[in-house]
């Protein structure tokens, strides 16, 4: 055999080998080993709301549909539980780690451990506050600042042309969480353009219905006049409605209510005139997440930030939209 023929044979063999290595392993979800599905470790915040339950179901259903093995962990709204779960995923040598951070800060150490283990991380629903963006591959979720701004925009328009002071109480989400921080700042940025709009009390309701009711009861006792309630999620708003009704007031009329999420119970309350406006935050991220983890594991370039599409719903739209709500 000539040297030229031998070189051609070697080159052809190398191409074949490289093609086989780049094929994704031939597994049902593009796993690295032939016939082995992709394994994803997913750490969820908890089950504090109807939104979160829908988000979990979306992820679990999408993984099953995509043929992806999902290792699921519920952090019960505790950062230490999430850190333990991520370390467990690293020990189990999962292909990709995805998680929705309980709070924004305090993740660098465990994310560096994942990076050292060559396991890519995808943030879903909530972001982290880290200067080292190499610690995660991408973030899929809502723009919480924009949600706060949408809530503020509605309020500014609602009271346009009126001169009397408007007293607002705010039910914040979990302290230190991205949605709580961002929904607060986005709302504040907008309403500061109108001096008659004043937040007179602001306190966390931990994104739960029970805490929302408890804090609203305290607001009703401590605040002489409340015109508007701004709740960072629907569950807190629904709890607050119970408190308002028990105090002999009419929610949606005596106290206007702005909420964020868009769960079915909130649309029902809106159709009954008890909530005035809901800014949507879509929890159905499962299909997008599974598509992302496959791309990330395959080494494909993905955007650093992927936003979900969401709208704003008022009382006149609620009844028509209610039958189509999936969560």
Foldseek 3Di string as FASTA:
>chain_A
DDPVVVVVVVVVVVVVVVVCQLPLQCDLLSHNHNPDAAEEEEEEQAPQDPLSVLLVVLQVVLCVVSVYHYHYHYQNLDQVSVLVSLVVCLVVVGQEYEYAGSAADDCVVSLVVCVVSVHAYEYEAFHHDDPDLVSHQAYEFAQLLVLLLVLLVVVCVVCPPPDAAAEEEEAAADPRTRNRVRSVVSVVVRCVVPVSYDHPYYDYQNSHLQSLLVVLLVCPVPPPAHAEYEYSADSSLNSNLVNCVVVVHQALPSYEYEHEADALVSLVCLLVNRHFKYWHTHSNCNNVVSVVSSCVSSVHRDDRYHHDDTGMDGSVCSVVCNVVHPD
